[in-house]
C-alpha atoms as a PDB file:
ATOM      1  CA  MET A   1      79.897  99.107  19.360  1.00  0.00           C
ATOM      2  CA  ARG A   2      83.212 101.473  20.070  1.00  0.00           C
ATOM      3  CA  GLU A   3      83.545 102.536  23.624  1.00  0.00           C
ATOM      4  CA  PHE A   4      85.452 105.825  24.178  1.00  0.00           C
ATOM      5  CA  ALA A   5      87.229 106.782  27.537  1.00  0.00           C
ATOM      6  CA  PRO A   6      85.759 109.689  29.466  1.00  0.00           C
ATOM      7  CA  ILE A   7      87.017 113.198  28.859  1.00  0.00           C
ATOM      8  CA  PRO A   8      89.778 113.830  31.364  1.00  0.00           C
ATOM      9  CA  ALA A   9      88.501 115.770  34.366  1.00  0.00           C
ATOM     10  CA  GLU A  10      90.963 118.526  33.777  1.00  0.00           C
ATOM     11  CA  ALA A  11      89.661 119.080  30.154  1.00  0.00           C
ATOM     12  CA  GLU A  12      86.029 119.182  31.502  1.00  0.00           C
ATOM     13  CA  ARG A  13      87.233 121.860  34.051  1.00  0.00           C
ATOM     14  CA  LEU A  14      89.053 123.835  31.422  1.00  0.00           C
ATOM     15  CA  GLY A  15      85.778 123.628  29.390  1.00  0.00           C
ATOM     16  CA  LYS A  16      83.603 124.987  31.861  1.00  0.00           C
ATOM     17  CA  VAL A  17      86.102 128.013  32.316  1.00  0.00           C
ATOM     18  CA  VAL A  18      86.089 128.497  28.584  1.00  0.00           C
ATOM     19  CA  VAL A  19      82.517 128.796  28.540  1.00  0.00           C
ATOM     20  CA  ASP A  20      82.436 130.787  31.740  1.00  0.00           C
ATOM     21  CA  ALA A  21      84.801 133.198  29.883  1.00  0.00           C
ATOM     22  CA  ALA A  22      83.003 133.531  26.776  1.00  0.00           C
ATOM     23  CA  MET A  23      79.812 134.385  28.582  1.00  0.00           C
ATOM     24  CA  GLU A  24      81.710 137.258  30.399  1.00  0.00           C
ATOM     25  CA  VAL A  25      82.726 138.275  27.074  1.00  0.00           C
ATOM     26  CA  HIS A  26      79.460 138.316  25.480  1.00  0.00           C
ATOM     27  CA  ARG A  27      77.904 139.781  28.575  1.00  0.00           C
ATOM     28  CA  HIS A  28      80.077 142.944  28.078  1.00  0.00           C
ATOM     29  CA  LEU A  29      80.386 143.215  24.170  1.00  0.00           C
ATOM     30  CA  GLY A  30      77.226 141.544  22.880  1.00  0.00           C
ATOM     31  CA  ALA A  31      77.085 140.624  19.148  1.00  0.00           C
ATOM     32  CA  GLY A  32      78.583 142.806  16.051  1.00  0.00           C
ATOM     33  CA  PHE A  33      82.281 142.822  16.385  1.00  0.00           C
ATOM     34  CA  LEU A  34      84.963 141.587  14.461  1.00  0.00           C
ATOM     35  CA  GLU A  35      86.209 138.075  15.438  1.00  0.00           C
ATOM     36  CA  ARG A  36      89.602 139.907  16.667  1.00  0.00           C
ATOM     37  CA  VAL A  37      88.159 141.879  18.944  1.00  0.00           C
ATOM     38  CA  TYR A  38      86.453 138.806  20.835  1.00  0.00           C
ATOM     39  CA  GLU A  39      89.762 136.980  20.626  1.00  0.00           C
ATOM     40  CA  ASP A  40      91.619 139.736  22.515  1.00  0.00           C
ATOM     41  CA  ALA A  41      88.714 139.980  25.128  1.00  0.00           C
ATOM     42  CA  PHE A  42      88.408 136.235  25.479  1.00  0.00           C
ATOM     43  CA  CYS A  43      92.289 135.805  26.156  1.00  0.00           C
ATOM     44  CA  HIS A  44      92.368 138.765  28.438  1.00  0.00           C
ATOM     45  CA  GLU A  45      89.371 136.649  30.217  1.00  0.00           C
ATOM     46  CA  LEU A  46      91.516 133.552  30.253  1.00  0.00           C
ATOM     47  CA  GLU A  47      94.592 135.686  31.836  1.00  0.00           C
ATOM     48  CA  LEU A  48      92.328 137.124  34.639  1.00  0.00           C
ATOM     49  CA  ARG A  49      91.355 133.786  35.268  1.00  0.00           C
ATOM     50  CA  LYS A  50      95.017 132.727  35.534  1.00  0.00           C
ATOM     51  CA  VAL A  51      94.034 129.832  32.816  1.00  0.00           C
ATOM     52  CA  PRO A  52      97.191 129.056  30.573  1.00  0.00           C
ATOM     53  CA  PHE A  53      96.447 129.259  26.720  1.00  0.00           C
ATOM     54  CA  GLU A  54      98.338 129.388  23.375  1.00  0.00           C
ATOM     55  CA  ARG A  55      96.754 131.710  20.948  1.00  0.00           C
ATOM     56  CA  GLN A  56      97.195 131.074  16.974  1.00  0.00           C
ATOM     57  CA  LYS A  57      99.074 127.717  17.986  1.00  0.00           C
ATOM     58  CA  GLU A  58     100.253 126.012  14.791  1.00  0.00           C
ATOM     59  CA  ILE A  59      99.524 122.267  14.685  1.00  0.00           C
ATOM     60  CA  THR A  60     100.989 120.020  12.130  1.00  0.00           C
ATOM     61  CA  VAL A  61      98.572 117.778   9.988  1.00  0.00           C
ATOM     62  CA  PRO A  62      99.776 114.013   9.551  1.00  0.00           C
ATOM     63  CA  TYR A  63      99.491 112.948   6.015  1.00  0.00           C
ATOM     64  CA  LYS A  64     100.918 109.216   5.105  1.00  0.00           C
ATOM     65  CA  ASP A  65     104.595 109.693   5.811  1.00  0.00           C
ATOM     66  CA  ILE A  66     104.863 113.436   6.587  1.00  0.00           C
ATOM     67  CA  LEU A  67     103.801 116.240   8.659  1.00  0.00           C
ATOM     68  CA  ILE A  68     101.938 119.297   6.863  1.00  0.00           C
ATOM     69  CA  SER A  69     102.640 122.599   8.664  1.00  0.00           C
ATOM     70  CA  GLY A  70     100.643 125.924   8.516  1.00  0.00           C
ATOM     71  CA  GLN A  71      97.555 125.216  10.358  1.00  0.00           C
ATOM     72  CA  ARG A  72      96.529 127.401  13.174  1.00  0.00           C
ATOM     73  CA  LEU A  73      94.206 126.812  16.069  1.00  0.00           C
ATOM     74  CA  ASP A  74      92.589 130.091  17.535  1.00  0.00           C
ATOM     75  CA  LEU A  75      93.182 128.881  21.088  1.00  0.00           C
ATOM     76  CA  LEU A  76      94.774 126.005  22.725  1.00  0.00           C
ATOM     77  CA  VAL A  77      93.437 126.110  26.593  1.00  0.00           C
ATOM     78  CA  GLY A  78      95.176 124.475  29.097  1.00  0.00           C
ATOM     79  CA  GLY A  79      97.162 122.093  26.489  1.00  0.00           C
ATOM     80  CA  GLN A  80      93.772 120.125  26.223  1.00  0.00           C
ATOM     81  CA  VAL A  81      90.976 121.970  24.863  1.00  0.00           C
ATOM     82  CA  ILE A  82      90.826 123.505  21.285  1.00  0.00           C
ATOM     83  CA  VAL A  83      88.484 126.716  20.811  1.00  0.00           C
ATOM     84  CA  GLU A  84      87.610 128.184  17.645  1.00  0.00           C
ATOM     85  CA  LEU A  85      86.137 131.669  17.852  1.00  0.00           C
ATOM     86  CA  LYS A  86      83.703 132.838  15.417  1.00  0.00           C
ATOM     87  CA  ALA A  87      81.702 136.301  14.604  1.00  0.00           C
ATOM     88  CA  VAL A  88      79.519 134.786  11.852  1.00  0.00           C
ATOM     89  CA  ASP A  89      75.725 134.618  11.374  1.00  0.00           C
ATOM     90  CA  ALA A  90      75.502 130.827  12.342  1.00  0.00           C
ATOM     91  CA  ILE A  91      78.073 128.101  12.865  1.00  0.00           C
ATOM     92  CA  ALA A  92      78.394 126.202   9.555  1.00  0.00           C
ATOM     93  CA  PRO A  93      78.904 122.385   9.086  1.00  0.00           C
ATOM     94  CA  ILE A  94      82.484 123.590   7.772  1.00  0.00           C
ATOM     95  CA  HIS A  95      83.139 125.114  10.952  1.00  0.00           C
ATOM     96  CA  GLN A  96      82.321 121.677  12.868  1.00  0.00           C
ATOM     97  CA  ALA A  97      84.368 119.534  10.266  1.00  0.00           C
ATOM     98  CA  GLN A  98      87.272 122.066  10.711  1.00  0.00           C
ATOM     99  CA  LEU A  99      87.179 121.629  14.447  1.00  0.00           C
ATOM    100  CA  LEU A 100      86.872 117.993  14.241  1.00  0.00           C
ATOM    101  CA  SER A 101      89.974 117.966  11.944  1.00  0.00           C
ATOM    102  CA  TYR A 102      91.666 120.013  14.365  1.00  0.00           C
ATOM    103  CA  LEU A 103      91.250 117.546  17.303  1.00  0.00           C
ATOM    104  CA  LYS A 104      92.301 114.613  15.363  1.00  0.00           C
ATOM    105  CA  ALA A 105      95.509 116.206  14.130  1.00  0.00           C
ATOM    106  CA  ALA A 106      96.163 117.677  17.633  1.00  0.00           C
ATOM    107  CA  GLU A 107      95.088 114.277  19.240  1.00  0.00           C
ATOM    108  CA  LEU A 108      92.591 115.885  21.453  1.00  0.00           C
ATOM    109  CA  ARG A 109      89.257 114.886  22.772  1.00  0.00           C
ATOM    110  CA  LEU A 110      87.195 118.283  23.598  1.00  0.00           C
ATOM    111  CA  GLY A 111      86.836 121.339  21.514  1.00  0.00           C
ATOM    112  CA  TYR A 112      84.519 124.338  21.379  1.00  0.00           C
ATOM    113  CA  ILE A 113      83.033 126.635  18.632  1.00  0.00           C
ATOM    114  CA  ILE A 114      82.172 129.881  20.149  1.00  0.00           C
ATOM    115  CA  ASN A 115      80.165 132.269  17.827  1.00  0.00           C
ATOM    116  CA  PHE A 116      79.700 135.650  19.495  1.00  0.00           C
ATOM    117  CA  ASN A 117      77.526 137.080  16.692  1.00  0.00           C
ATOM    118  CA  VAL A 118      74.152 135.816  18.285  1.00  0.00           C
ATOM    119  CA  ARG A 119      71.842 137.533  20.678  1.00  0.00           C
ATOM    120  CA  ARG A 120      72.109 134.851  23.434  1.00  0.00           C
ATOM    121  CA  LEU A 121      75.638 133.241  23.548  1.00  0.00           C
ATOM    122  CA  LYS A 122      74.214 129.763  24.722  1.00  0.00           C
ATOM    123  CA  GLU A 123      73.158 129.715  20.819  1.00  0.00           C
ATOM    124  CA  GLY A 124      76.569 130.280  19.719  1.00  0.00           C
ATOM    125  CA  ILE A 125      78.178 127.424  21.509  1.00  0.00           C
ATOM    126  CA  LYS A 126      79.020 124.266  20.165  1.00  0.00           C
ATOM    127  CA  ARG A 127      80.807 121.653  22.265  1.00  0.00           C
ATOM    128  CA  MET A 128      82.191 118.875  20.365  1.00  0.00           C
ATOM    129  CA  VAL A 129      84.121 115.705  21.437  1.00  0.00           C
ATOM    130  CA  LEU A 130      86.243 113.395  19.496  1.00  0.00           C
END
């Protein structure tokens, strides 16, 4: 059986901030807006909390002996947590596969898919660990 190291404490702390910020955004906006609206509001929440982040962060994807550019993360929080924002009917398996691929390419362990198009946000948060 393969053993994994625990998620670093700072990544866990950032993950809590991500969830808290998303809850605040959803509390104010609810469901029904475009993803871009939620992204703007979420980034504003992170700024208010003085949490560093990179928006639309480009990453490279390793393939054999080359690096392929052009892939973008919605947000990289604190250099340790990937956040993919959605405004869809439901989080689909392809969204989960996408986040796992991003984590692998970026060599990170913790990520969240946050779907704001839900009645209660806890139903729209998917935490994923690689």
